[in-house]
Amino acid sequence: MTKTTTKIATLNDTLRTTFIGGKTLLTHGIQSLDQTVQAEVIGKVRMFNDFSKDNDPHGEHDFGSFKHAGQKIFWKIDYYDPTLTYGSEDPANPEITTRVLTIMLAEEY
């Protein structure tokens, strides 16, 4: 991994595990789940560490999936400019990047 990739992965891991360093969105599908199930899903996202070359080919820790309570769950981190209008020019630079973590049912992807 390059220094840039390592920095992106670290920033993504911080957002995913602490919800600090960006925005977090729960889709309608996740919001429609029982609050206890929502909390369990969020906990699994925060604890997710099953990265491999198959599911994380770029090494950025920006996507994951798992099953919970009979549902396939996806989470994804995207990189935007500070106004959330365009993609970030440099996802390794938190000064010009707003990270958005979206947690969704796989069927919503």
PDB file of N, CA and C in Angstrom:
ATOM      1  N   MET A   1       0.835  -1.188   0.000  1.00  0.00           N
ATOM      2  CA  MET A   1       0.000   0.000   0.000  1.00  0.00           C
ATOM      3  C   MET A   1       0.876   1.247   0.000  1.00  0.00           C
ATOM      4  N   THR A   2       0.386   2.279  -0.657  1.00  0.00           N
ATOM      5  CA  THR A   2       1.103   3.544  -0.668  1.00  0.00           C
ATOM      6  C   THR A   2       0.756   4.335   0.587  1.00  0.00           C
ATOM      7  N   LYS A   3       1.519   5.392   0.845  1.00  0.00           N
ATOM      8  CA  LYS A   3       1.212   6.265   1.988  1.00  0.00           C
ATOM      9  C   LYS A   3      -0.183   6.871   1.843  1.00  0.00           C
ATOM     10  N   THR A   4      -0.536   7.241   0.616  1.00  0.00           N
ATOM     11  CA  THR A   4      -1.849   7.836   0.375  1.00  0.00           C
ATOM     12  C   THR A   4      -2.959   6.838   0.696  1.00  0.00           C
ATOM     13  N   THR A   5      -2.821   5.618   0.220  1.00  0.00           N
ATOM     14  CA  THR A   5      -3.828   4.591   0.485  1.00  0.00           C
ATOM     15  C   THR A   5      -3.944   4.320   1.976  1.00  0.00           C
ATOM     16  N   THR A   6      -2.820   4.252   2.657  1.00  0.00           N
ATOM     17  CA  THR A   6      -2.825   4.016   4.104  1.00  0.00           C
ATOM     18  C   THR A   6      -3.529   5.151   4.827  1.00  0.00           C
ATOM     19  N   LYS A   7      -3.282   6.392   4.399  1.00  0.00           N
ATOM     20  CA  LYS A   7      -3.932   7.539   5.040  1.00  0.00           C
ATOM     21  C   LYS A   7      -5.445   7.504   4.803  1.00  0.00           C
ATOM     22  N   ILE A   8      -5.864   7.179   3.569  1.00  0.00           N
ATOM     23  CA  ILE A   8      -7.291   7.080   3.267  1.00  0.00           C
ATOM     24  C   ILE A   8      -7.937   5.996   4.118  1.00  0.00           C
ATOM     25  N   ALA A   9      -7.298   4.838   4.208  1.00  0.00           N
ATOM     26  CA  ALA A   9      -7.838   3.730   5.010  1.00  0.00           C
ATOM     27  C   ALA A   9      -7.952   4.132   6.480  1.00  0.00           C
ATOM     28  N   THR A  10      -6.967   4.840   6.993  1.00  0.00           N
ATOM     29  CA  THR A  10      -7.000   5.281   8.388  1.00  0.00           C
ATOM     30  C   THR A  10      -8.149   6.262   8.624  1.00  0.00           C
ATOM     31  N   LEU A  11      -8.317   7.219   7.712  1.00  0.00           N
ATOM     32  CA  LEU A  11      -9.423   8.180   7.831  1.00  0.00           C
ATOM     33  C   LEU A  11     -10.773   7.462   7.728  1.00  0.00           C
ATOM     34  N   ASN A  12     -10.874   6.492   6.827  1.00  0.00           N
ATOM     35  CA  ASN A  12     -12.116   5.731   6.680  1.00  0.00           C
ATOM     36  C   ASN A  12     -12.398   4.894   7.922  1.00  0.00           C
ATOM     37  N   ASP A  13     -11.362   4.261   8.460  1.00  0.00           N
ATOM     38  CA  ASP A  13     -11.543   3.459   9.678  1.00  0.00           C
ATOM     39  C   ASP A  13     -11.989   4.326  10.849  1.00  0.00           C
ATOM     40  N   THR A  14     -11.438   5.529  10.947  1.00  0.00           N
ATOM     41  CA  THR A  14     -11.838   6.441  12.023  1.00  0.00           C
ATOM     42  C   THR A  14     -13.316   6.790  11.899  1.00  0.00           C
ATOM     43  N   LEU A  15     -13.756   7.152  10.694  1.00  0.00           N
ATOM     44  CA  LEU A  15     -15.167   7.480  10.499  1.00  0.00           C
ATOM     45  C   LEU A  15     -16.041   6.269  10.820  1.00  0.00           C
ATOM     46  N   ARG A  16     -15.682   5.123  10.297  1.00  0.00           N
ATOM     47  CA  ARG A  16     -16.514   3.926  10.478  1.00  0.00           C
ATOM     48  C   ARG A  16     -16.596   3.485  11.935  1.00  0.00           C
ATOM     49  N   THR A  17     -15.511   3.563  12.662  1.00  0.00           N
ATOM     50  CA  THR A  17     -15.499   3.046  14.031  1.00  0.00           C
ATOM     51  C   THR A  17     -15.969   4.053  15.073  1.00  0.00           C
ATOM     52  N   THR A  18     -15.872   5.351  14.771  1.00  0.00           N
ATOM     53  CA  THR A  18     -16.217   6.374  15.765  1.00  0.00           C
ATOM     54  C   THR A  18     -17.312   7.331  15.303  1.00  0.00           C
ATOM     55  N   PHE A  19     -17.600   7.347  14.010  1.00  0.00           N
ATOM     56  CA  PHE A  19     -18.512   8.303  13.378  1.00  0.00           C
ATOM     57  C   PHE A  19     -17.981   9.729  13.494  1.00  0.00           C
ATOM     58  N   ILE A  20     -16.677   9.868  13.677  1.00  0.00           N
ATOM     59  CA  ILE A  20     -16.015  11.169  13.704  1.00  0.00           C
ATOM     60  C   ILE A  20     -15.219  11.319  12.415  1.00  0.00           C
ATOM     61  N   GLY A  21     -15.278  12.510  11.824  1.00  0.00           N
ATOM     62  CA  GLY A  21     -14.500  12.777  10.627  1.00  0.00           C
ATOM     63  C   GLY A  21     -15.325  12.720   9.351  1.00  0.00           C
ATOM     64  N   GLY A  22     -16.631  12.845   9.484  1.00  0.00           N
ATOM     65  CA  GLY A  22     -17.496  12.832   8.312  1.00  0.00           C
ATOM     66  C   GLY A  22     -18.945  12.790   8.723  1.00  0.00           C
ATOM     67  N   LYS A  23     -19.777  12.370   7.792  1.00  0.00           N
ATOM     68  CA  LYS A  23     -21.218  12.254   8.033  1.00  0.00           C
ATOM     69  C   LYS A  23     -21.610  10.786   7.921  1.00  0.00           C
ATOM     70  N   THR A  24     -22.641  10.404   8.660  1.00  0.00           N
ATOM     71  CA  THR A  24     -23.144   9.040   8.608  1.00  0.00           C
ATOM     72  C   THR A  24     -24.626   9.070   8.258  1.00  0.00           C
ATOM     73  N   LEU A  25     -24.997   8.270   7.276  1.00  0.00           N
ATOM     74  CA  LEU A  25     -26.383   8.200   6.825  1.00  0.00           C
ATOM     75  C   LEU A  25     -26.906   6.782   6.964  1.00  0.00           C
ATOM     76  N   LEU A  26     -28.117   6.658   7.456  1.00  0.00           N
ATOM     77  CA  LEU A  26     -28.823   5.389   7.482  1.00  0.00           C
ATOM     78  C   LEU A  26     -29.937   5.489   6.442  1.00  0.00           C
ATOM     79  N   THR A  27     -29.994   4.549   5.523  1.00  0.00           N
ATOM     80  CA  THR A  27     -31.027   4.593   4.493  1.00  0.00           C
ATOM     81  C   THR A  27     -32.396   4.299   5.104  1.00  0.00           C
ATOM     82  N   HIS A  28     -33.431   4.497   4.303  1.00  0.00           N
ATOM     83  CA  HIS A  28     -34.793   4.225   4.771  1.00  0.00           C
ATOM     84  C   HIS A  28     -34.946   2.772   5.195  1.00  0.00           C
ATOM     85  N   GLY A  29     -34.302   1.874   4.459  1.00  0.00           N
ATOM     86  CA  GLY A  29     -34.386   0.457   4.803  1.00  0.00           C
ATOM     87  C   GLY A  29     -33.833   0.167   6.186  1.00  0.00           C
ATOM     88  N   ILE A  30     -32.706   0.771   6.515  1.00  0.00           N
ATOM     89  CA  ILE A  30     -32.120   0.589   7.845  1.00  0.00           C
ATOM     90  C   ILE A  30     -32.990   1.274   8.894  1.00  0.00           C
ATOM     91  N   GLN A  31     -33.471   2.481   8.596  1.00  0.00           N
ATOM     92  CA  GLN A  31     -34.314   3.203   9.545  1.00  0.00           C
ATOM     93  C   GLN A  31     -35.631   2.482   9.819  1.00  0.00           C
ATOM     94  N   SER A  32     -36.078   1.657   8.878  1.00  0.00           N
ATOM     95  CA  SER A  32     -37.342   0.945   9.071  1.00  0.00           C
ATOM     96  C   SER A  32     -37.187  -0.287   9.959  1.00  0.00           C
ATOM     97  N   LEU A  33     -35.952  -0.680  10.251  1.00  0.00           N
ATOM     98  CA  LEU A  33     -35.724  -1.825  11.123  1.00  0.00           C
ATOM     99  C   LEU A  33     -36.004  -1.442  12.573  1.00  0.00           C
ATOM    100  N   ASP A  34     -36.326  -2.427  13.375  1.00  0.00           N
ATOM    101  CA  ASP A  34     -36.497  -2.235  14.813  1.00  0.00           C
ATOM    102  C   ASP A  34     -35.257  -1.530  15.376  1.00  0.00           C
ATOM    103  N   GLN A  35     -35.428  -0.645  16.333  1.00  0.00           N
ATOM    104  CA  GLN A  35     -34.298   0.119  16.881  1.00  0.00           C
ATOM    105  C   GLN A  35     -33.199  -0.772  17.443  1.00  0.00           C
ATOM    106  N   THR A  36     -33.577  -1.890  18.025  1.00  0.00           N
ATOM    107  CA  THR A  36     -32.567  -2.813  18.547  1.00  0.00           C
ATOM    108  C   THR A  36     -31.737  -3.385  17.408  1.00  0.00           C
ATOM    109  N   VAL A  37     -32.397  -3.752  16.313  1.00  0.00           N
ATOM    110  CA  VAL A  37     -31.683  -4.284  15.143  1.00  0.00           C
ATOM    111  C   VAL A  37     -30.800  -3.200  14.537  1.00  0.00           C
ATOM    112  N   GLN A  38     -31.311  -1.964  14.454  1.00  0.00           N
ATOM    113  CA  GLN A  38     -30.494  -0.851  13.953  1.00  0.00           C
ATOM    114  C   GLN A  38     -29.215  -0.714  14.769  1.00  0.00           C
ATOM    115  N   ALA A  39     -29.348  -0.756  16.088  1.00  0.00           N
ATOM    116  CA  ALA A  39     -28.184  -0.625  16.964  1.00  0.00           C
ATOM    117  C   ALA A  39     -27.206  -1.774  16.742  1.00  0.00           C
ATOM    118  N   GLU A  40     -27.719  -2.971  16.538  1.00  0.00           N
ATOM    119  CA  GLU A  40     -26.848  -4.121  16.283  1.00  0.00           C
ATOM    120  C   GLU A  40     -26.117  -3.963  14.958  1.00  0.00           C
ATOM    121  N   VAL A  41     -26.814  -3.494  13.925  1.00  0.00           N
ATOM    122  CA  VAL A  41     -26.195  -3.267  12.617  1.00  0.00           C
ATOM    123  C   VAL A  41     -25.096  -2.217  12.731  1.00  0.00           C
ATOM    124  N   ILE A  42     -25.391  -1.116  13.399  1.00  0.00           N
ATOM    125  CA  ILE A  42     -24.390  -0.056  13.572  1.00  0.00           C
ATOM    126  C   ILE A  42     -23.175  -0.603  14.322  1.00  0.00           C
ATOM    127  N   GLY A  43     -23.406  -1.401  15.334  1.00  0.00           N
ATOM    128  CA  GLY A  43     -22.300  -2.017  16.065  1.00  0.00           C
ATOM    129  C   GLY A  43     -21.452  -2.900  15.175  1.00  0.00           C
ATOM    130  N   LYS A  44     -22.088  -3.659  14.290  1.00  0.00           N
ATOM    131  CA  LYS A  44     -21.331  -4.516  13.372  1.00  0.00           C
ATOM    132  C   LYS A  44     -20.527  -3.700  12.363  1.00  0.00           C
ATOM    133  N   VAL A  45     -21.096  -2.586  11.902  1.00  0.00           N
ATOM    134  CA  VAL A  45     -20.347  -1.703  10.996  1.00  0.00           C
ATOM    135  C   VAL A  45     -19.107  -1.182  11.717  1.00  0.00           C
ATOM    136  N   ARG A  46     -19.277  -0.723  12.932  1.00  0.00           N
ATOM    137  CA  ARG A  46     -18.155  -0.173  13.693  1.00  0.00           C
ATOM    138  C   ARG A  46     -17.061  -1.214  13.951  1.00  0.00           C
ATOM    139  N   MET A  47     -17.462  -2.464  14.136  1.00  0.00           N
ATOM    140  CA  MET A  47     -16.506  -3.523  14.441  1.00  0.00           C
ATOM    141  C   MET A  47     -15.977  -4.234  13.194  1.00  0.00           C
ATOM    142  N   PHE A  48     -16.516  -3.920  12.028  1.00  0.00           N
ATOM    143  CA  PHE A  48     -16.147  -4.622  10.797  1.00  0.00           C
ATOM    144  C   PHE A  48     -14.632  -4.540  10.577  1.00  0.00           C
ATOM    145  N   ASN A  49     -14.044  -5.689  10.287  1.00  0.00           N
ATOM    146  CA  ASN A  49     -12.600  -5.732  10.029  1.00  0.00           C
ATOM    147  C   ASN A  49     -12.261  -6.886   9.089  1.00  0.00           C
ATOM    148  N   ASP A  50     -13.213  -7.288   8.272  1.00  0.00           N
ATOM    149  CA  ASP A  50     -13.042  -8.428   7.387  1.00  0.00           C
ATOM    150  C   ASP A  50     -12.601  -7.970   5.999  1.00  0.00           C
ATOM    151  N   PHE A  51     -11.529  -7.215   5.943  1.00  0.00           N
ATOM    152  CA  PHE A  51     -11.028  -6.695   4.672  1.00  0.00           C
ATOM    153  C   PHE A  51     -10.093  -7.711   4.026  1.00  0.00           C
ATOM    154  N   SER A  52     -10.232  -7.854   2.709  1.00  0.00           N
ATOM    155  CA  SER A  52      -9.363  -8.744   1.953  1.00  0.00           C
ATOM    156  C   SER A  52      -9.155  -8.150   0.564  1.00  0.00           C
ATOM    157  N   LYS A  53      -8.306  -8.769  -0.222  1.00  0.00           N
ATOM    158  CA  LYS A  53      -8.097  -8.293  -1.589  1.00  0.00           C
ATOM    159  C   LYS A  53      -9.367  -8.443  -2.419  1.00  0.00           C
ATOM    160  N   ASP A  54     -10.214  -9.405  -2.052  1.00  0.00           N
ATOM    161  CA  ASP A  54     -11.465  -9.604  -2.793  1.00  0.00           C
ATOM    162  C   ASP A  54     -12.474  -8.494  -2.541  1.00  0.00           C
ATOM    163  N   ASN A  55     -12.635  -8.065  -1.284  1.00  0.00           N
ATOM    164  CA  ASN A  55     -13.659  -7.061  -0.981  1.00  0.00           C
ATOM    165  C   ASN A  55     -13.092  -5.655  -0.775  1.00  0.00           C
ATOM    166  N   ASP A  56     -11.772  -5.527  -0.806  1.00  0.00           N
ATOM    167  CA  ASP A  56     -11.119  -4.223  -0.613  1.00  0.00           C
ATOM    168  C   ASP A  56      -9.902  -4.127  -1.536  1.00  0.00           C
ATOM    169  N   PRO A  57     -10.128  -4.218  -2.855  1.00  0.00           N
ATOM    170  CA  PRO A  57      -8.997  -4.305  -3.789  1.00  0.00           C
ATOM    171  C   PRO A  57      -8.059  -3.100  -3.787  1.00  0.00           C
ATOM    172  N   HIS A  58      -8.571  -1.930  -3.383  1.00  0.00           N
ATOM    173  CA  HIS A  58      -7.731  -0.726  -3.378  1.00  0.00           C
ATOM    174  C   HIS A  58      -7.144  -0.434  -2.000  1.00  0.00           C
ATOM    175  N   GLY A  59      -7.528  -1.216  -0.992  1.00  0.00           N
ATOM    176  CA  GLY A  59      -6.977  -1.061   0.342  1.00  0.00           C
ATOM    177  C   GLY A  59      -7.445   0.165   1.100  1.00  0.00           C
ATOM    178  N   GLU A  60      -8.566   0.748   0.687  1.00  0.00           N
ATOM    179  CA  GLU A  60      -9.032   1.987   1.311  1.00  0.00           C
ATOM    180  C   GLU A  60     -10.042   1.770   2.437  1.00  0.00           C
ATOM    181  N   HIS A  61     -10.469   0.554   2.674  1.00  0.00           N
ATOM    182  CA  HIS A  61     -11.456   0.260   3.727  1.00  0.00           C
ATOM    183  C   HIS A  61     -12.708   1.116   3.550  1.00  0.00           C
ATOM    184  N   ASP A  62     -13.215   1.165   2.312  1.00  0.00           N
ATOM    185  CA  ASP A  62     -14.355   2.035   2.007  1.00  0.00           C
ATOM    186  C   ASP A  62     -15.662   1.295   1.751  1.00  0.00           C
ATOM    187  N   PHE A  63     -15.672  -0.036   1.923  1.00  0.00           N
ATOM    188  CA  PHE A  63     -16.882  -0.809   1.681  1.00  0.00           C
ATOM    189  C   PHE A  63     -16.838  -2.092   2.490  1.00  0.00           C
ATOM    190  N   GLY A  64     -18.016  -2.515   2.944  1.00  0.00           N
ATOM    191  CA  GLY A  64     -18.112  -3.795   3.620  1.00  0.00           C
ATOM    192  C   GLY A  64     -19.525  -4.332   3.530  1.00  0.00           C
ATOM    193  N   SER A  65     -19.652  -5.631   3.740  1.00  0.00           N
ATOM    194  CA  SER A  65     -20.971  -6.251   3.747  1.00  0.00           C
ATOM    195  C   SER A  65     -20.982  -7.397   4.747  1.00  0.00           C
ATOM    196  N   PHE A  66     -22.176  -7.660   5.269  1.00  0.00           N
ATOM    197  CA  PHE A  66     -22.363  -8.761   6.210  1.00  0.00           C
ATOM    198  C   PHE A  66     -23.851  -9.069   6.283  1.00  0.00           C
ATOM    199  N   LYS A  67     -24.159 -10.199   6.866  1.00  0.00           N
ATOM    200  CA  LYS A  67     -25.561 -10.572   7.083  1.00  0.00           C
ATOM    201  C   LYS A  67     -25.904 -10.361   8.547  1.00  0.00           C
ATOM    202  N   HIS A  68     -27.148  -9.878   8.762  1.00  0.00           N
ATOM    203  CA  HIS A  68     -27.626  -9.691  10.131  1.00  0.00           C
ATOM    204  C   HIS A  68     -29.141  -9.846  10.138  1.00  0.00           C
ATOM    205  N   ALA A  69     -29.632 -10.672  11.024  1.00  0.00           N
ATOM    206  CA  ALA A  69     -31.078 -10.883  11.199  1.00  0.00           C
ATOM    207  C   ALA A  69     -31.767 -11.177   9.867  1.00  0.00           C
ATOM    208  N   GLY A  70     -31.103 -11.998   9.049  1.00  0.00           N
ATOM    209  CA  GLY A  70     -31.681 -12.392   7.771  1.00  0.00           C
ATOM    210  C   GLY A  70     -31.571 -11.357   6.668  1.00  0.00           C
ATOM    211  N   GLN A  71     -30.889 -10.261   6.935  1.00  0.00           N
ATOM    212  CA  GLN A  71     -30.729  -9.185   5.950  1.00  0.00           C
ATOM    213  C   GLN A  71     -29.262  -9.073   5.532  1.00  0.00           C
ATOM    214  N   LYS A  72     -29.031  -8.809   4.259  1.00  0.00           N
ATOM    215  CA  LYS A  72     -27.689  -8.490   3.779  1.00  0.00           C
ATOM    216  C   LYS A  72     -27.508  -6.978   3.936  1.00  0.00           C
ATOM    217  N   ILE A  73     -26.448  -6.578   4.635  1.00  0.00           N
ATOM    218  CA  ILE A  73     -26.182  -5.168   4.932  1.00  0.00           C
ATOM    219  C   ILE A  73     -24.929  -4.737   4.177  1.00  0.00           C
ATOM    220  N   PHE A  74     -24.971  -3.568   3.581  1.00  0.00           N
ATOM    221  CA  PHE A  74     -23.801  -2.936   2.970  1.00  0.00           C
ATOM    222  C   PHE A  74     -23.514  -1.647   3.725  1.00  0.00           C
ATOM    223  N   TRP A  75     -22.236  -1.301   3.792  1.00  0.00           N
ATOM    224  CA  TRP A  75     -21.851   0.049   4.197  1.00  0.00           C
ATOM    225  C   TRP A  75     -20.820   0.535   3.188  1.00  0.00           C
ATOM    226  N   LYS A  76     -20.833   1.832   2.903  1.00  0.00           N
ATOM    227  CA  LYS A  76     -19.969   2.408   1.879  1.00  0.00           C
ATOM    228  C   LYS A  76     -19.556   3.799   2.293  1.00  0.00           C
ATOM    229  N   ILE A  77     -18.285   4.125   2.087  1.00  0.00           N
ATOM    230  CA  ILE A  77     -17.790   5.487   2.343  1.00  0.00           C
ATOM    231  C   ILE A  77     -17.478   6.133   0.996  1.00  0.00           C
ATOM    232  N   ASP A  78     -18.048   7.322   0.787  1.00  0.00           N
ATOM    233  CA  ASP A  78     -17.783   8.109  -0.415  1.00  0.00           C
ATOM    234  C   ASP A  78     -17.089   9.397  -0.015  1.00  0.00           C
ATOM    235  N   TYR A  79     -16.399   9.998  -0.981  1.00  0.00           N
ATOM    236  CA  TYR A  79     -15.576  11.187  -0.739  1.00  0.00           C
ATOM    237  C   TYR A  79     -16.119  12.358  -1.552  1.00  0.00           C
ATOM    238  N   TYR A  80     -16.472  13.431  -0.853  1.00  0.00           N
ATOM    239  CA  TYR A  80     -17.022  14.616  -1.508  1.00  0.00           C
ATOM    240  C   TYR A  80     -16.208  15.855  -1.166  1.00  0.00           C
ATOM    241  N   ASP A  81     -16.427  16.903  -1.959  1.00  0.00           N
ATOM    242  CA  ASP A  81     -15.849  18.200  -1.619  1.00  0.00           C
ATOM    243  C   ASP A  81     -16.601  18.720  -0.386  1.00  0.00           C
ATOM    244  N   PRO A  82     -16.098  19.788   0.251  1.00  0.00           N
ATOM    245  CA  PRO A  82     -16.752  20.280   1.485  1.00  0.00           C
ATOM    246  C   PRO A  82     -18.210  20.689   1.327  1.00  0.00           C
ATOM    247  N   THR A  83     -18.645  21.040   0.110  1.00  0.00           N
ATOM    248  CA  THR A  83     -20.034  21.439  -0.096  1.00  0.00           C
ATOM    249  C   THR A  83     -20.937  20.250  -0.426  1.00  0.00           C
ATOM    250  N   LEU A  84     -20.363  19.073  -0.516  1.00  0.00           N
ATOM    251  CA  LEU A  84     -21.084  17.844  -0.884  1.00  0.00           C
ATOM    252  C   LEU A  84     -21.688  17.925  -2.283  1.00  0.00           C
ATOM    253  N   THR A  85     -21.055  18.725  -3.148  1.00  0.00           N
ATOM    254  CA  THR A  85     -21.539  18.897  -4.513  1.00  0.00           C
ATOM    255  C   THR A  85     -20.799  18.002  -5.495  1.00  0.00           C
ATOM    256  N   TYR A  86     -19.492  17.884  -5.306  1.00  0.00           N
ATOM    257  CA  TYR A  86     -18.639  17.138  -6.231  1.00  0.00           C
ATOM    258  C   TYR A  86     -17.820  16.100  -5.464  1.00  0.00           C
ATOM    259  N   GLY A  87     -17.215  15.202  -6.200  1.00  0.00           N
ATOM    260  CA  GLY A  87     -16.278  14.276  -5.588  1.00  0.00           C
ATOM    261  C   GLY A  87     -15.045  15.026  -5.111  1.00  0.00           C
ATOM    262  N   SER A  88     -14.397  14.510  -4.092  1.00  0.00           N
ATOM    263  CA  SER A  88     -13.192  15.143  -3.567  1.00  0.00           C
ATOM    264  C   SER A  88     -12.039  14.983  -4.550  1.00  0.00           C
ATOM    265  N   GLU A  89     -11.241  16.016  -4.667  1.00  0.00           N
ATOM    266  CA  GLU A  89     -10.049  15.963  -5.511  1.00  0.00           C
ATOM    267  C   GLU A  89      -8.936  15.138  -4.863  1.00  0.00           C
ATOM    268  N   ASP A  90      -8.960  15.025  -3.533  1.00  0.00           N
ATOM    269  CA  ASP A  90      -7.917  14.289  -2.815  1.00  0.00           C
ATOM    270  C   ASP A  90      -8.482  13.677  -1.540  1.00  0.00           C
ATOM    271  N   PRO A  91      -9.003  12.450  -1.616  1.00  0.00           N
ATOM    272  CA  PRO A  91      -9.600  11.820  -0.435  1.00  0.00           C
ATOM    273  C   PRO A  91      -8.638  11.627   0.740  1.00  0.00           C
ATOM    274  N   ALA A  92      -7.349  11.746   0.505  1.00  0.00           N
ATOM    275  CA  ALA A  92      -6.373  11.629   1.596  1.00  0.00           C
ATOM    276  C   ALA A  92      -6.245  12.925   2.379  1.00  0.00           C
ATOM    277  N   ASN A  93      -6.834  14.006   1.875  1.00  0.00           N
ATOM    278  CA  ASN A  93      -6.732  15.310   2.524  1.00  0.00           C
ATOM    279  C   ASN A  93      -8.058  15.657   3.203  1.00  0.00           C
ATOM    280  N   PRO A  94      -8.130  15.509   4.526  1.00  0.00           N
ATOM    281  CA  PRO A  94      -9.395  15.792   5.215  1.00  0.00           C
ATOM    282  C   PRO A  94      -9.802  17.263   5.185  1.00  0.00           C
ATOM    283  N   GLU A  95      -8.878  18.154   4.848  1.00  0.00           N
ATOM    284  CA  GLU A  95      -9.207  19.581   4.763  1.00  0.00           C
ATOM    285  C   GLU A  95     -10.128  19.882   3.584  1.00  0.00           C
ATOM    286  N   ILE A  96     -10.060  19.054   2.535  1.00  0.00           N
ATOM    287  CA  ILE A  96     -10.880  19.311   1.347  1.00  0.00           C
ATOM    288  C   ILE A  96     -11.844  18.161   1.051  1.00  0.00           C
ATOM    289  N   THR A  97     -11.979  17.241   1.995  1.00  0.00           N
ATOM    290  CA  THR A  97     -12.814  16.067   1.780  1.00  0.00           C
ATOM    291  C   THR A  97     -13.830  15.908   2.900  1.00  0.00           C
ATOM    292  N   THR A  98     -15.078  15.699   2.510  1.00  0.00           N
ATOM    293  CA  THR A  98     -16.117  15.307   3.453  1.00  0.00           C
ATOM    294  C   THR A  98     -16.423  13.845   3.174  1.00  0.00           C
ATOM    295  N   ARG A  99     -16.187  13.005   4.158  1.00  0.00           N
ATOM    296  CA  ARG A  99     -16.499  11.584   4.032  1.00  0.00           C
ATOM    297  C   ARG A  99     -17.953  11.354   4.410  1.00  0.00           C
ATOM    298  N   VAL A 100     -18.619  10.488   3.647  1.00  0.00           N
ATOM    299  CA  VAL A 100     -20.001  10.130   3.943  1.00  0.00           C
ATOM    300  C   VAL A 100     -20.080   8.610   4.020  1.00  0.00           C
ATOM    301  N   LEU A 101     -20.423   8.128   5.205  1.00  0.00           N
ATOM    302  CA  LEU A 101     -20.630   6.706   5.445  1.00  0.00           C
ATOM    303  C   LEU A 101     -22.120   6.423   5.328  1.00  0.00           C
ATOM    304  N   THR A 102     -22.485   5.577   4.381  1.00  0.00           N
ATOM    305  CA  THR A 102     -23.875   5.188   4.206  1.00  0.00           C
ATOM    306  C   THR A 102     -24.034   3.728   4.596  1.00  0.00           C
ATOM    307  N   ILE A 103     -25.008   3.462   5.471  1.00  0.00           N
ATOM    308  CA  ILE A 103     -25.332   2.109   5.891  1.00  0.00           C
ATOM    309  C   ILE A 103     -26.682   1.774   5.298  1.00  0.00           C
ATOM    310  N   MET A 104     -26.754   0.650   4.555  1.00  0.00           N
ATOM    311  CA  MET A 104     -27.957   0.341   3.782  1.00  0.00           C
ATOM    312  C   MET A 104     -28.230  -1.154   3.729  1.00  0.00           C
ATOM    313  N   LEU A 105     -29.465  -1.484   3.400  1.00  0.00           N
ATOM    314  CA  LEU A 105     -29.788  -2.847   3.028  1.00  0.00           C
ATOM    315  C   LEU A 105     -29.201  -3.083   1.640  1.00  0.00           C
ATOM    316  N   ALA A 106     -28.699  -4.279   1.380  1.00  0.00           N
ATOM    317  CA  ALA A 106     -28.089  -4.572   0.077  1.00  0.00           C
ATOM    318  C   ALA A 106     -29.070  -4.295  -1.067  1.00  0.00           C
ATOM    319  N   GLU A 107     -30.342  -4.563  -0.836  1.00  0.00           N
ATOM    320  CA  GLU A 107     -31.343  -4.342  -1.889  1.00  0.00           C
ATOM    321  C   GLU A 107     -31.522  -2.873  -2.240  1.00  0.00           C
ATOM    322  N   GLU A 108     -31.022  -1.970  -1.407  1.00  0.00           N
ATOM    323  CA  GLU A 108     -31.122  -0.528  -1.682  1.00  0.00           C
ATOM    324  C   GLU A 108     -29.956  -0.016  -2.532  1.00  0.00           C
ATOM    325  N   TYR A 109     -28.946  -0.836  -2.732  1.00  0.00           N
ATOM    326  CA  TYR A 109     -27.734  -0.399  -3.437  1.00  0.00           C
ATOM    327  C   TYR A 109     -28.020  -0.217  -4.906  1.00  0.00           C
TER     328      TYR A 109
END
